[in-house]
Amino acid sequence: MAYFLLFLSAFGAATLLPLQSEAILVGLLWQDHYSVALLLICASVGNILGSCVNWFLGLRIERFKDRKWFPISEKNMLKAAVIYQKYGFWSLLLSWTPIIGDPITLIAGLFKENFWRFLLIIAVAKTGRYIFIYLIFLGIF
């Protein structure tokens, strides 16, 4: 059940929902009776799939960006768009960062980024973040 909850929190955290999966990961690591590999896989796969949702929404959502309920502020959308236009698909390496990471994945869909390249870069960025958190937990950094 803990693995599934971690997956759900990582998935939600990668979408435009204000969730945090890092604290859950560290809490489960702290308990020391879960497989580290499975924790990292669940968190990474959930986070990657959440970003894929953003990419797909980006393909379809432009017509809604002026609505009050739109989940990303115009300021954050513009920041993400500027970064994406300047650095192209490489900006997806920042998809793990707070505030601009989720909008960048949405912008990638809006700009019709190739899905397979998107998926590869997102997988590297998201998995790398969780591995880094694990290394911090171990005291290596």
C-alpha atoms as a PDB file:
ATOM      1  CA  MET A   1       0.000   0.000   0.000  1.00  0.00           C
ATOM      2  CA  ALA A   2       2.876   2.379   0.777  1.00  0.00           C
ATOM      3  CA  TYR A   3       4.283   1.956  -2.733  1.00  0.00           C
ATOM      4  CA  PHE A   4       0.903   2.788  -4.259  1.00  0.00           C
ATOM      5  CA  LEU A   5       0.517   5.898  -2.087  1.00  0.00           C
ATOM      6  CA  LEU A   6       3.999   7.034  -3.085  1.00  0.00           C
ATOM      7  CA  PHE A   7       3.103   6.455  -6.746  1.00  0.00           C
ATOM      8  CA  LEU A   8      -0.110   8.499  -6.359  1.00  0.00           C
ATOM      9  CA  SER A   9       1.640  11.354  -4.584  1.00  0.00           C
ATOM     10  CA  ALA A  10       4.402  11.429  -7.209  1.00  0.00           C
ATOM     11  CA  PHE A  11       1.831  11.333 -10.002  1.00  0.00           C
ATOM     12  CA  GLY A  12      -0.168  14.166  -8.461  1.00  0.00           C
ATOM     13  CA  ALA A  13       2.953  16.201  -7.707  1.00  0.00           C
ATOM     14  CA  ALA A  14       3.937  16.093 -11.381  1.00  0.00           C
ATOM     15  CA  THR A  15       0.556  17.352 -12.509  1.00  0.00           C
ATOM     16  CA  LEU A  16      -0.556  20.838 -11.679  1.00  0.00           C
ATOM     17  CA  LEU A  17      -1.763  19.778  -8.224  1.00  0.00           C
ATOM     18  CA  PRO A  18       0.159  21.246  -5.278  1.00  0.00           C
ATOM     19  CA  LEU A  19       1.432  17.952  -3.846  1.00  0.00           C
ATOM     20  CA  GLN A  20       4.817  16.882  -2.509  1.00  0.00           C
ATOM     21  CA  SER A  21       6.137  13.383  -3.047  1.00  0.00           C
ATOM     22  CA  GLU A  22       9.636  13.951  -1.703  1.00  0.00           C
ATOM     23  CA  ALA A  23       8.516  14.020   1.934  1.00  0.00           C
ATOM     24  CA  ILE A  24       6.631  10.751   1.483  1.00  0.00           C
ATOM     25  CA  LEU A  25       9.664   9.145  -0.144  1.00  0.00           C
ATOM     26  CA  VAL A  26      11.951  10.245   2.685  1.00  0.00           C
ATOM     27  CA  GLY A  27       9.431   9.072   5.279  1.00  0.00           C
ATOM     28  CA  LEU A  28       9.299   5.632   3.687  1.00  0.00           C
ATOM     29  CA  LEU A  29      13.084   5.506   3.388  1.00  0.00           C
ATOM     30  CA  TRP A  30      13.335   6.428   7.058  1.00  0.00           C
ATOM     31  CA  GLN A  31      11.162   3.439   8.046  1.00  0.00           C
ATOM     32  CA  ASP A  32      13.797   1.141   6.531  1.00  0.00           C
ATOM     33  CA  HIS A  33      11.503  -1.763   5.688  1.00  0.00           C
ATOM     34  CA  TYR A  34      10.713  -0.971   2.084  1.00  0.00           C
ATOM     35  CA  SER A  35      12.755  -1.805  -0.970  1.00  0.00           C
ATOM     36  CA  VAL A  36      14.722   1.280  -1.984  1.00  0.00           C
ATOM     37  CA  ALA A  37      14.629   0.209  -5.635  1.00  0.00           C
ATOM     38  CA  LEU A  38      10.836  -0.194  -5.568  1.00  0.00           C
ATOM     39  CA  LEU A  39      10.384   3.155  -3.822  1.00  0.00           C
ATOM     40  CA  LEU A  40      12.512   4.902  -6.447  1.00  0.00           C
ATOM     41  CA  ILE A  41      10.687   3.118  -9.275  1.00  0.00           C
ATOM     42  CA  CYS A  42       7.221   3.939  -7.905  1.00  0.00           C
ATOM     43  CA  ALA A  43       8.089   7.590  -7.342  1.00  0.00           C
ATOM     44  CA  SER A  44       9.788   7.943 -10.727  1.00  0.00           C
ATOM     45  CA  VAL A  45       7.099   6.193 -12.757  1.00  0.00           C
ATOM     46  CA  GLY A  46       4.332   8.124 -11.005  1.00  0.00           C
ATOM     47  CA  ASN A  47       6.098  11.424 -11.580  1.00  0.00           C
ATOM     48  CA  ILE A  48       6.876  10.620 -15.213  1.00  0.00           C
ATOM     49  CA  LEU A  49       3.264   9.635 -15.922  1.00  0.00           C
ATOM     50  CA  GLY A  50       2.028  12.821 -14.244  1.00  0.00           C
ATOM     51  CA  SER A  51       4.249  14.846 -16.558  1.00  0.00           C
ATOM     52  CA  CYS A  52       2.838  12.914 -19.514  1.00  0.00           C
ATOM     53  CA  VAL A  53      -0.623  14.080 -18.428  1.00  0.00           C
ATOM     54  CA  ASN A  54       0.667  17.661 -18.527  1.00  0.00           C
ATOM     55  CA  TRP A  55       2.124  17.123 -22.005  1.00  0.00           C
ATOM     56  CA  PHE A  56      -1.188  15.750 -23.245  1.00  0.00           C
ATOM     57  CA  LEU A  57      -3.115  18.625 -21.643  1.00  0.00           C
ATOM     58  CA  GLY A  58      -0.720  21.041 -23.296  1.00  0.00           C
ATOM     59  CA  LEU A  59      -1.730  19.637 -26.670  1.00  0.00           C
ATOM     60  CA  ARG A  60      -5.370  20.429 -25.957  1.00  0.00           C
ATOM     61  CA  ILE A  61      -5.535  23.169 -23.377  1.00  0.00           C
ATOM     62  CA  GLU A  62      -4.469  26.356 -25.136  1.00  0.00           C
ATOM     63  CA  ARG A  63      -8.067  27.327 -25.775  1.00  0.00           C
ATOM     64  CA  PHE A  64      -8.698  27.430 -22.000  1.00  0.00           C
ATOM     65  CA  LYS A  65      -5.706  29.498 -20.835  1.00  0.00           C
ATOM     66  CA  ASP A  66      -7.745  32.687 -20.369  1.00  0.00           C
ATOM     67  CA  ARG A  67     -10.311  31.060 -18.073  1.00  0.00           C
ATOM     68  CA  LYS A  68     -10.372  31.859 -14.350  1.00  0.00           C
ATOM     69  CA  TRP A  69     -10.082  28.215 -13.341  1.00  0.00           C
ATOM     70  CA  PHE A  70      -6.959  27.603 -15.441  1.00  0.00           C
ATOM     71  CA  PRO A  71      -4.451  26.070 -12.972  1.00  0.00           C
ATOM     72  CA  ILE A  72      -1.275  27.896 -14.057  1.00  0.00           C
ATOM     73  CA  SER A  73      -0.918  31.636 -13.660  1.00  0.00           C
ATOM     74  CA  GLU A  74      -0.163  33.632 -16.780  1.00  0.00           C
ATOM     75  CA  LYS A  75       3.116  34.737 -15.158  1.00  0.00           C
ATOM     76  CA  ASN A  76       4.314  31.122 -14.667  1.00  0.00           C
ATOM     77  CA  MET A  77       3.134  30.146 -18.160  1.00  0.00           C
ATOM     78  CA  LEU A  78       5.127  33.024 -19.660  1.00  0.00           C
ATOM     79  CA  LYS A  79       8.226  32.102 -17.629  1.00  0.00           C
ATOM     80  CA  ALA A  80       7.996  28.512 -18.784  1.00  0.00           C
ATOM     81  CA  ALA A  81       7.346  29.538 -22.403  1.00  0.00           C
ATOM     82  CA  VAL A  82      10.378  31.853 -22.417  1.00  0.00           C
ATOM     83  CA  ILE A  83      12.600  29.082 -21.047  1.00  0.00           C
ATOM     84  CA  TYR A  84      11.178  26.562 -23.484  1.00  0.00           C
ATOM     85  CA  GLN A  85      11.579  28.870 -26.473  1.00  0.00           C
ATOM     86  CA  LYS A  86      15.120  29.723 -25.470  1.00  0.00           C
ATOM     87  CA  TYR A  87      16.377  26.227 -24.652  1.00  0.00           C
ATOM     88  CA  GLY A  88      13.902  24.016 -26.517  1.00  0.00           C
ATOM     89  CA  PHE A  89      13.482  20.433 -25.389  1.00  0.00           C
ATOM     90  CA  TRP A  90      16.563  20.686 -23.158  1.00  0.00           C
ATOM     91  CA  SER A  91      14.509  22.859 -20.826  1.00  0.00           C
ATOM     92  CA  LEU A  92      12.639  19.660 -19.928  1.00  0.00           C
ATOM     93  CA  LEU A  93      15.670  18.779 -17.793  1.00  0.00           C
ATOM     94  CA  LEU A  94      14.236  21.427 -15.423  1.00  0.00           C
ATOM     95  CA  SER A  95      10.926  19.588 -15.172  1.00  0.00           C
ATOM     96  CA  TRP A  96      11.774  18.449 -11.645  1.00  0.00           C
ATOM     97  CA  THR A  97      12.071  22.004 -10.293  1.00  0.00           C
ATOM     98  CA  PRO A  98       9.391  23.668  -8.193  1.00  0.00           C
ATOM     99  CA  ILE A  99       7.153  26.352  -9.728  1.00  0.00           C
ATOM    100  CA  ILE A 100       8.367  26.156 -13.356  1.00  0.00           C
ATOM    101  CA  GLY A 101       8.792  22.380 -13.786  1.00  0.00           C
ATOM    102  CA  ASP A 102       5.142  21.471 -14.244  1.00  0.00           C
ATOM    103  CA  PRO A 103       4.386  24.396 -16.550  1.00  0.00           C
ATOM    104  CA  ILE A 104       7.391  23.462 -18.709  1.00  0.00           C
ATOM    105  CA  THR A 105       5.910  20.009 -19.291  1.00  0.00           C
ATOM    106  CA  LEU A 106       2.585  21.595 -20.205  1.00  0.00           C
ATOM    107  CA  ILE A 107       4.334  24.058 -22.541  1.00  0.00           C
ATOM    108  CA  ALA A 108       6.121  21.119 -24.202  1.00  0.00           C
ATOM    109  CA  GLY A 109       2.722  19.753 -25.193  1.00  0.00           C
ATOM    110  CA  LEU A 110       1.561  23.193 -26.241  1.00  0.00           C
ATOM    111  CA  PHE A 111       4.596  23.472 -28.532  1.00  0.00           C
ATOM    112  CA  LYS A 112       3.940  19.928 -29.807  1.00  0.00           C
ATOM    113  CA  GLU A 113       7.228  18.473 -28.575  1.00  0.00           C
ATOM    114  CA  ASN A 114       7.879  14.955 -29.862  1.00  0.00           C
ATOM    115  CA  PHE A 115       6.426  12.641 -27.215  1.00  0.00           C
ATOM    116  CA  TRP A 116       9.239  10.066 -27.229  1.00  0.00           C
ATOM    117  CA  ARG A 117      11.944  12.708 -26.821  1.00  0.00           C
ATOM    118  CA  PHE A 118       9.800  14.337 -24.123  1.00  0.00           C
ATOM    119  CA  LEU A 119       9.447  10.998 -22.334  1.00  0.00           C
ATOM    120  CA  LEU A 120      13.168  10.250 -22.458  1.00  0.00           C
ATOM    121  CA  ILE A 121      14.222  13.640 -21.065  1.00  0.00           C
ATOM    122  CA  ILE A 122      11.486  13.650 -18.431  1.00  0.00           C
ATOM    123  CA  ALA A 123      12.483  10.152 -17.330  1.00  0.00           C
ATOM    124  CA  VAL A 124      16.095  11.255 -16.853  1.00  0.00           C
ATOM    125  CA  ALA A 125      15.132  14.427 -14.963  1.00  0.00           C
ATOM    126  CA  LYS A 126      12.476  12.891 -12.720  1.00  0.00           C
ATOM    127  CA  THR A 127      14.401   9.718 -11.882  1.00  0.00           C
ATOM    128  CA  GLY A 128      17.563  11.724 -11.307  1.00  0.00           C
ATOM    129  CA  ARG A 129      15.780  13.891  -8.763  1.00  0.00           C
ATOM    130  CA  TYR A 130      14.587  10.900  -6.723  1.00  0.00           C
ATOM    131  CA  ILE A 131      18.021   9.285  -6.841  1.00  0.00           C
ATOM    132  CA  PHE A 132      19.518  12.572  -5.660  1.00  0.00           C
ATOM    133  CA  ILE A 133      17.033  12.709  -2.767  1.00  0.00           C
ATOM    134  CA  TYR A 134      18.005   9.161  -1.842  1.00  0.00           C
ATOM    135  CA  LEU A 135      21.702  10.071  -1.905  1.00  0.00           C
ATOM    136  CA  ILE A 136      20.997  13.067   0.341  1.00  0.00           C
ATOM    137  CA  PHE A 137      19.114  10.724   2.661  1.00  0.00           C
ATOM    138  CA  LEU A 138      22.183   8.482   2.821  1.00  0.00           C
ATOM    139  CA  GLY A 139      24.320  11.507   3.659  1.00  0.00           C
ATOM    140  CA  ILE A 140      26.372  11.334   0.484  1.00  0.00           C
ATOM    141  CA  PHE A 141      25.546  14.963  -0.401  1.00  0.00           C
END
